[in-house]
């Protein structure tokens, strides 16, 4: 299966519909697909649920999408930092919902969705507000709470290189949530720095195989 190579970023994101759950790669701004998010803003898609590690930084990327009022709910592990003023203001005004998920649980819920796992038990969050109402099991004397897989309609990720089939190579810490999000979404759109000929990538360096990638745009 080969990904489609797009030359216009706006065309690459027209797959996102109102009400979709969109997985957005990035750890802060590292690996954040800013150009795809800018195109998503221009698309006008709204009532979105955004799954990402952070809830936006400064006034760009996710913060810009939030500021436009396109996001109904944020699922993330780190909603507040010194430059998250856009999310802070919207949340305090009751204009955006928040589902807080510990970072390891977030990654594992995404991985579970990609692996077809129906759920898993984790000790992370036990004894906090996050465990209230959850199914709990005691395993070898320790309490674990049930977490469910986290699926997306579309994943927007940033990678370093792609070949013409859509095999992706990431760059250093920008890799972060990108690979696991690619497996957890129905459709995957990747922005890359460069598209190379198929066969030019070292197979050992390919992290996300093309079978998970639908659209690639070089920026």
Protein backbone atom coordinates (compact mmCIF):
# COMPACT_ATOMS: atom_id res chain seq x y z
CA UNK A 1 0.00 0.00 0.00
CA UNK A 2 1.37 3.40 -0.97
CA UNK A 3 0.56 6.77 0.54
CA UNK A 4 -0.56 9.58 -1.69
CA UNK A 5 1.99 12.35 -2.01
CA UNK A 6 0.40 15.80 -1.80
CA UNK A 7 1.93 19.08 -2.86
CA UNK A 8 -0.73 21.27 -1.22
CA UNK A 9 -1.03 21.02 2.54
CA UNK A 10 -4.68 22.13 2.51
CA UNK A 11 -5.59 19.18 0.30
CA UNK A 12 -3.74 16.81 2.61
CA UNK A 13 -5.93 17.65 5.62
CA UNK A 14 -9.31 17.81 3.90
CA UNK A 15 -9.91 14.31 5.27
CA UNK A 16 -10.73 15.80 8.71
CA UNK A 17 -14.47 16.23 9.34
CA UNK A 18 -16.49 18.08 11.95
CA UNK A 19 -16.67 16.07 15.18
CA UNK A 20 -13.57 13.98 14.44
CA UNK A 21 -11.06 12.82 17.02
CA UNK A 22 -7.67 14.03 15.79
CA UNK A 23 -4.41 12.66 17.18
CA UNK A 24 -1.70 15.31 17.00
CA UNK A 25 1.96 14.37 17.43
CA UNK A 26 4.43 16.49 19.32
CA UNK A 27 5.96 16.96 22.74
CA UNK A 28 5.52 20.66 23.25
CA UNK A 29 6.63 22.04 19.91
CA UNK A 30 9.09 19.17 19.22
CA UNK A 31 7.55 17.14 16.44
CA UNK A 32 4.42 19.29 16.34
CA UNK A 33 2.94 19.25 12.78
CA UNK A 34 2.36 23.00 12.80
CA UNK A 35 1.77 23.39 9.08
CA UNK A 36 -0.87 20.61 9.11
CA UNK A 37 -2.60 22.30 12.04
CA UNK A 38 -2.55 25.64 10.22
CA UNK A 39 -4.20 23.93 7.26
CA UNK A 40 -6.74 22.35 9.61
CA UNK A 41 -7.61 25.82 10.88
CA UNK A 42 -8.13 27.02 7.31
CA UNK A 43 -10.33 23.98 6.58
CA UNK A 44 -12.92 25.17 9.08
CA UNK A 45 -13.37 21.73 10.69
CA UNK A 46 -14.89 22.16 14.15
CA UNK A 47 -16.25 20.33 17.21
CA UNK A 48 -12.98 18.41 17.28
CA UNK A 49 -11.52 16.23 20.01
CA UNK A 50 -7.77 16.72 20.06
CA UNK A 51 -5.49 14.06 21.55
CA UNK A 52 -1.96 15.28 22.13
CA UNK A 53 0.64 15.36 24.88
CA UNK A 54 0.20 19.10 25.48
CA UNK A 55 -2.72 21.51 25.14
CA UNK A 56 -0.91 24.08 23.05
CA UNK A 57 2.06 26.38 23.46
CA UNK A 58 2.09 30.13 22.91
CA UNK A 59 -0.16 31.26 20.09
CA UNK A 60 0.81 28.79 17.36
CA UNK A 61 -0.02 25.19 16.50
CA UNK A 62 -2.66 23.68 18.77
CA UNK A 63 -3.01 26.94 20.64
CA UNK A 64 -4.06 28.67 17.42
CA UNK A 65 -6.60 25.91 16.70
CA UNK A 66 -8.01 26.27 20.23
CA UNK A 67 -8.18 30.05 19.90
CA UNK A 68 -10.37 29.66 16.82
CA UNK A 69 -12.95 27.75 18.90
CA UNK A 70 -12.69 24.59 16.80
CA UNK A 71 -11.93 22.22 19.67
CA UNK A 72 -14.65 20.76 21.92
CA UNK A 73 -12.38 18.53 24.02
CA UNK A 74 -8.68 18.05 24.72
CA UNK A 75 -7.24 14.72 25.83
CA UNK A 76 -3.68 15.22 27.04
CA UNK A 77 -1.18 14.54 29.80
CA UNK A 78 0.28 18.01 30.29
CA UNK A 79 -2.36 20.74 29.85
CA UNK A 80 -0.65 23.50 31.78
CA UNK A 81 2.74 25.05 31.30
CA UNK A 82 4.05 28.58 31.35
CA UNK A 83 2.91 29.32 27.78
CA UNK A 84 -0.46 27.52 27.71
CA UNK A 85 -2.47 30.71 28.19
CA UNK A 86 -4.89 29.97 25.35
CA UNK A 87 -6.00 26.64 26.81
CA UNK A 88 -6.03 28.05 30.34
CA UNK A 89 -8.39 30.85 29.35
CA UNK A 90 -10.77 28.61 27.41
CA UNK A 91 -10.88 25.97 30.16
CA UNK A 92 -11.56 28.47 32.92
CA UNK A 93 -14.33 29.96 30.77
CA UNK A 94 -15.90 26.52 30.31
CA UNK A 95 -15.36 26.62 26.55
CA UNK A 96 -13.28 23.44 26.24
CA UNK A 97 -13.44 20.05 27.98
CA UNK A 98 -10.36 18.32 29.36
CA UNK A 99 -9.61 14.64 29.86
CA UNK A 100 -6.36 14.38 31.77
CA UNK A 101 -4.40 11.18 31.13
CA UNK A 102 -1.01 10.42 32.69
CA UNK A 103 1.67 10.44 30.01
CA UNK A 104 2.49 6.73 30.12
CA UNK A 105 -1.19 5.85 30.12
CA UNK A 106 -1.72 8.13 27.12
CA UNK A 107 1.01 6.39 25.16
CA UNK A 108 -0.22 2.94 26.16
CA UNK A 109 -3.86 3.74 25.35
CA UNK A 110 -2.75 4.78 21.86
CA UNK A 111 -0.60 1.68 21.51
CA UNK A 112 -3.50 -0.49 22.66
CA UNK A 113 -5.72 1.03 19.98
CA UNK A 114 -3.14 0.26 17.33
CA UNK A 115 -2.57 -3.28 18.59
CA UNK A 116 -6.26 -4.13 18.86
CA UNK A 117 -6.13 -4.53 22.63
CA UNK A 118 -9.46 -4.00 24.36
CA UNK A 119 -8.02 -2.43 27.51
CA UNK A 120 -5.32 -2.80 30.12
CA UNK A 121 -4.82 -2.41 33.86
CA UNK A 122 -2.33 0.12 35.17
CA UNK A 123 -1.30 1.33 38.64
CA UNK A 124 -0.71 4.86 37.33
CA UNK A 125 -3.44 7.15 38.63
CA UNK A 126 -4.64 4.78 41.37
CA UNK A 127 -5.67 6.59 44.53
CA UNK A 128 -6.24 9.87 42.68
CA UNK A 129 -9.33 11.47 41.18
CA UNK A 130 -8.44 9.69 37.93
CA UNK A 131 -9.31 6.30 39.44
CA UNK A 132 -12.78 7.29 40.66
CA UNK A 133 -15.46 5.20 38.97
CA UNK A 134 -12.91 2.94 37.31
CA UNK A 135 -12.86 -0.84 37.39
CA UNK A 136 -10.07 -1.83 39.77
CA UNK A 137 -8.34 -5.17 40.18
CA UNK A 138 -5.84 -6.23 42.77
CA UNK A 139 -2.98 -8.14 41.17
CA UNK A 140 -0.27 -9.61 43.39
CA UNK A 141 -1.30 -7.26 46.18
CA UNK A 142 -1.29 -4.07 44.13
CA UNK A 143 -4.32 -2.16 42.82
CA UNK A 144 -4.60 -1.45 39.11
CA UNK A 145 -7.28 0.51 37.25
CA UNK A 146 -8.71 -0.22 33.83
CA UNK A 147 -7.77 2.02 30.90
CA UNK A 148 -9.35 1.75 27.46
CA UNK A 149 -7.72 2.15 24.03
CA UNK A 150 -7.68 5.61 22.53
CA UNK A 151 -8.49 5.70 18.83
CA UNK A 152 -8.45 8.56 16.37
CA UNK A 153 -10.26 9.29 13.14
CA UNK A 154 -7.19 11.07 11.82
CA UNK A 155 -3.59 11.40 13.01
CA UNK A 156 -1.50 14.42 12.07
CA UNK A 157 2.21 13.80 12.56
CA UNK A 158 5.53 15.35 11.60
CA UNK A 159 8.37 13.18 10.34
CA UNK A 160 11.78 13.94 8.87
CA UNK A 161 11.74 11.88 5.68
CA UNK A 162 9.31 9.82 3.65
CA UNK A 163 9.79 7.75 0.57
CA UNK A 164 7.17 7.74 -2.17
CA UNK A 165 5.35 4.84 -0.52
CA UNK A 166 4.96 6.72 2.78
CA UNK A 167 7.56 4.93 4.89
CA UNK A 168 8.51 7.44 7.59
CA UNK A 169 11.80 8.31 9.29
CA UNK A 170 11.74 10.64 12.30
CA UNK A 171 14.39 12.97 13.64
CA UNK A 172 15.57 12.62 17.23
CA UNK A 173 13.09 13.79 19.90
CA UNK A 174 10.61 14.95 17.26
CA UNK A 175 9.69 11.28 16.95
CA UNK A 176 7.86 11.14 20.33
CA UNK A 177 4.16 10.21 19.90
CA UNK A 178 4.20 10.09 16.09
CA UNK A 179 4.74 6.34 15.57
CA UNK A 180 2.13 5.18 18.09
CA UNK A 181 -0.44 7.68 16.81
CA UNK A 182 0.03 6.41 13.26
CA UNK A 183 -1.11 2.95 14.38
CA UNK A 184 -4.10 4.26 16.36
CA UNK A 185 -5.88 6.33 13.71
CA UNK A 186 -8.10 5.39 10.80
CA UNK A 187 -6.34 7.89 8.54
CA UNK A 188 -2.80 9.27 8.87
CA UNK A 189 -1.45 12.48 7.36
CA UNK A 190 2.29 13.15 7.68
CA UNK A 191 4.19 16.33 6.97
CA UNK A 192 7.83 15.71 6.14
CA UNK A 193 10.90 17.74 5.35
CA UNK A 194 11.64 15.75 2.23
CA UNK A 195 10.24 12.95 0.08
CA UNK A 196 12.90 10.64 -1.34
CA UNK A 197 12.70 7.89 -3.91
CA UNK A 198 11.45 4.54 -2.71
CA UNK A 199 14.46 2.42 -1.85
CA UNK A 200 16.58 5.39 -0.78
CA UNK A 201 15.80 4.94 2.92
CA UNK A 202 17.77 2.51 5.07
CA UNK A 203 15.09 -0.09 5.98
CA UNK A 204 16.50 -0.21 9.51
CA UNK A 205 15.75 3.51 9.96
CA UNK A 206 12.07 3.28 8.97
CA UNK A 207 9.96 3.58 12.12
CA UNK A 208 6.45 3.89 10.66
CA UNK A 209 5.83 1.55 7.72
CA UNK A 210 3.82 2.90 4.81
CA UNK A 211 0.90 0.58 5.57
CA UNK A 212 -0.10 3.03 8.32
CA UNK A 213 0.29 6.22 6.27
CA UNK A 214 -2.36 7.56 3.89
CA UNK A 215 -1.13 10.99 2.94
CA UNK A 216 2.27 12.68 2.86
CA UNK A 217 3.00 16.31 2.16
CA UNK A 218 6.49 17.76 1.78
CA UNK A 219 6.94 21.13 3.49
